Protein backbone atom coordinates (compact mmCIF):
# COMPACT_ATOMS: atom_id res chain seq x y z
CA ASP A 1 -34.25 -33.62 -24.65
CA VAL A 2 -33.82 -34.92 -21.39
CA MET A 3 -30.30 -35.42 -21.66
CA LYS A 4 -29.77 -32.07 -23.07
CA LYS A 5 -31.61 -30.90 -19.96
CA VAL A 6 -29.40 -32.73 -17.48
CA ILE A 7 -26.30 -31.09 -19.02
CA MET A 8 -27.60 -27.94 -18.89
CA THR A 9 -28.24 -28.28 -15.50
CA LEU A 10 -25.01 -29.97 -14.83
CA ILE A 11 -23.12 -26.92 -16.55
CA PHE A 12 -25.10 -24.23 -14.84
CA LEU A 13 -24.38 -25.87 -11.41
CA ILE A 14 -20.61 -26.40 -12.25
CA VAL A 15 -20.48 -22.90 -12.86
CA ALA A 16 -22.84 -21.29 -10.20
CA VAL A 17 -21.83 -23.13 -7.09
CA PRO A 18 -18.37 -21.57 -6.84
CA LEU A 19 -19.76 -18.04 -7.50
CA TYR A 20 -21.66 -18.49 -4.09
CA ALA A 21 -18.75 -19.61 -1.82
CA LYS A 22 -18.50 -17.64 0.78
CA GLU A 23 -15.13 -15.65 0.47
CA MET A 24 -13.78 -12.85 3.22
CA ILE A 25 -10.74 -11.54 3.87
CA THR A 26 -9.87 -12.57 7.53
CA PHE A 27 -6.76 -10.83 8.26
CA THR A 28 -4.64 -8.16 6.19
CA GLY A 29 -1.26 -6.76 7.65
CA ILE A 30 1.07 -4.35 6.66
CA PRO A 31 4.97 -5.11 7.50
CA GLU A 32 7.21 -2.59 9.36
CA MET A 33 10.13 -4.52 9.55
CA LYS A 34 11.42 -7.34 7.38
CA ILE A 35 14.39 -9.55 8.89
CA SER A 36 15.93 -12.01 6.12
CA GLU A 37 18.34 -14.80 7.52
CA GLY A 38 20.30 -17.22 5.68
CA GLY A 39 22.08 -19.16 8.43
CA VAL A 40 25.77 -17.08 8.88
CA ASN A 41 23.97 -13.65 8.32
CA ARG A 42 20.99 -11.65 9.46
CA VAL A 43 19.86 -8.72 7.51
CA PRO A 44 17.17 -6.38 9.37
CA ASP A 45 15.61 -3.97 7.02
CA ASN A 46 12.79 -1.02 8.30
CA LEU A 47 10.38 -1.03 5.47
CA ASP A 48 9.07 2.36 4.14
CA LYS A 49 5.40 2.97 3.31
CA GLU A 50 6.18 2.04 -0.57
CA ASN A 51 7.91 -1.35 0.30
CA ALA A 52 5.81 -2.15 3.20
CA ILE A 53 2.57 -2.23 0.67
CA LYS A 54 4.54 -4.77 -1.68
CA PHE A 55 4.71 -7.04 0.96
CA LYS A 56 1.51 -7.10 2.77
CA CYS A 57 -0.04 -10.14 4.20
CA ILE A 58 -3.58 -11.21 3.23
CA ILE A 59 -5.18 -14.31 4.60
CA THR A 60 -8.83 -15.20 2.97
CA LYS A 61 -11.63 -17.53 4.05
CA ILE A 62 -13.27 -19.14 1.77
CA ASP A 63 -16.35 -21.29 3.17
CA ASP A 64 -14.31 -23.49 5.71
CA LYS A 65 -10.93 -23.00 4.43
CA TYR A 66 -8.12 -20.57 4.86
CA TYR A 67 -5.84 -19.56 2.23
CA TRP A 68 -2.36 -17.07 2.33
CA THR A 69 -3.92 -14.83 -0.39
CA SER A 70 -0.80 -12.77 -0.53
CA ARG A 71 1.32 -15.86 -1.14
CA GLU A 72 -0.02 -18.06 -3.87
CA ASN A 73 -3.28 -18.64 -1.76
CA ILE A 74 -1.65 -21.39 -0.30
CA GLU A 75 -3.98 -23.23 1.89
CA LEU A 76 -3.58 -22.57 5.65
CA ILE A 77 -4.27 -24.29 8.71
CA PRO A 78 -5.61 -22.34 11.82
CA ILE A 79 -4.70 -23.05 15.55
CA SER A 80 -5.84 -20.95 18.29
CA SER A 81 -3.85 -20.97 21.54
CA GLY A 82 -3.91 -17.97 24.05
CA ALA A 83 -3.88 -14.88 22.69
CA PHE A 84 -2.74 -15.99 19.38
CA ILE A 85 -4.00 -17.65 16.18
CA THR A 86 -1.19 -19.13 14.07
CA TYR A 87 -2.03 -20.03 10.30
CA TRP A 88 0.56 -22.96 9.30
CA ALA A 89 0.65 -23.33 5.51
CA VAL A 90 -0.11 -26.99 4.26
CA ASN A 91 2.95 -27.13 2.31
CA GLY A 92 5.35 -26.35 5.07
CA SER A 93 6.11 -22.87 3.46
CA GLY A 94 5.52 -20.69 6.59
CA TYR A 95 3.28 -19.13 9.23
CA VAL A 96 1.34 -16.07 10.09
CA ARG A 97 0.75 -15.34 13.68
CA VAL A 98 -1.71 -12.92 14.86
CA VAL A 99 -2.44 -11.56 18.13
CA LYS A 100 -6.60 -12.06 18.65
CA SER A 101 -8.04 -8.63 18.35
CA GLU A 102 -9.66 -8.91 21.91
CA MET A 103 -6.19 -9.53 23.29
CA LYS A 104 -4.27 -6.47 21.63
CA GLU A 105 -4.27 -4.43 24.58
CA GLU A 106 -3.09 -6.96 27.25
CA VAL A 107 -0.55 -8.56 24.85
CA LYS A 108 0.85 -5.10 24.24
CA GLN A 109 1.41 -4.01 27.70
CA LEU A 110 2.99 -7.48 28.50
CA GLY A 111 5.33 -7.05 25.43
CA ALA A 112 6.18 -3.29 26.81
CA LEU A 113 7.11 -4.90 30.05
CA ALA A 114 9.46 -7.52 28.60
CA SER A 115 10.60 -5.43 25.50
CA ASP A 116 9.29 -7.85 23.56
CA PRO A 117 8.21 -7.26 19.64
CA GLU A 118 4.32 -7.60 20.81
CA ARG A 119 4.94 -4.00 22.26
CA GLN A 120 5.20 -2.85 18.84
CA TYR A 121 3.62 -5.40 16.51
CA ASP A 122 0.64 -7.52 16.53
CA TYR A 123 1.61 -10.08 13.78
CA VAL A 124 4.63 -11.96 12.35
CA GLU A 125 4.76 -13.55 8.96
CA HIS A 126 7.78 -16.26 8.68
CA LEU A 127 8.46 -17.51 5.04
CA LEU A 128 11.13 -20.54 4.51
CA LEU A 129 12.58 -20.37 1.40
CA GLY A 130 15.15 -23.38 0.94
CA LEU A 131 17.26 -23.17 4.25
CA LYS A 132 17.02 -19.37 4.34
CA SER A 133 14.05 -17.62 5.82
CA VAL A 134 12.55 -14.00 5.70
CA THR A 135 10.37 -12.59 8.75
CA TYR A 136 7.82 -9.69 8.64
CA TYR A 137 6.81 -7.83 11.85
CA GLY A 138 3.97 -5.36 11.39
CA GLN A 139 0.40 -4.09 12.08
CA SER A 140 -2.96 -5.39 11.12
CA LYS A 141 -5.47 -3.50 9.33
């Protein structure tokens, strides 16, 4: 009877504990530009709304870990530096760099002066596919 209670308690904990994990979407971005590169050719593509939604970027925080939800839930390591947070995929498949919300106006103004992508976009998502890559530029939501 005691063993049965112990087993039931263990089963409850195994089922219940994951339900109480704190999950929160920390970033959602909608791309406007897609650039595919393969060594000798570079193909830029302005995305319409329909395609942009297909390629949206989502990062979720569960407890103390970050996940690239829109890319097979790959674990990410966040690194904060200056006006940016860069989320690196632990498997080496890419990264997402985001302008910190409190720095958006300042970064946008500096980007406009230098004709940089920062004047128009507030995140970049870079995926490595073998020796090729795909880069998305867009706006956070």
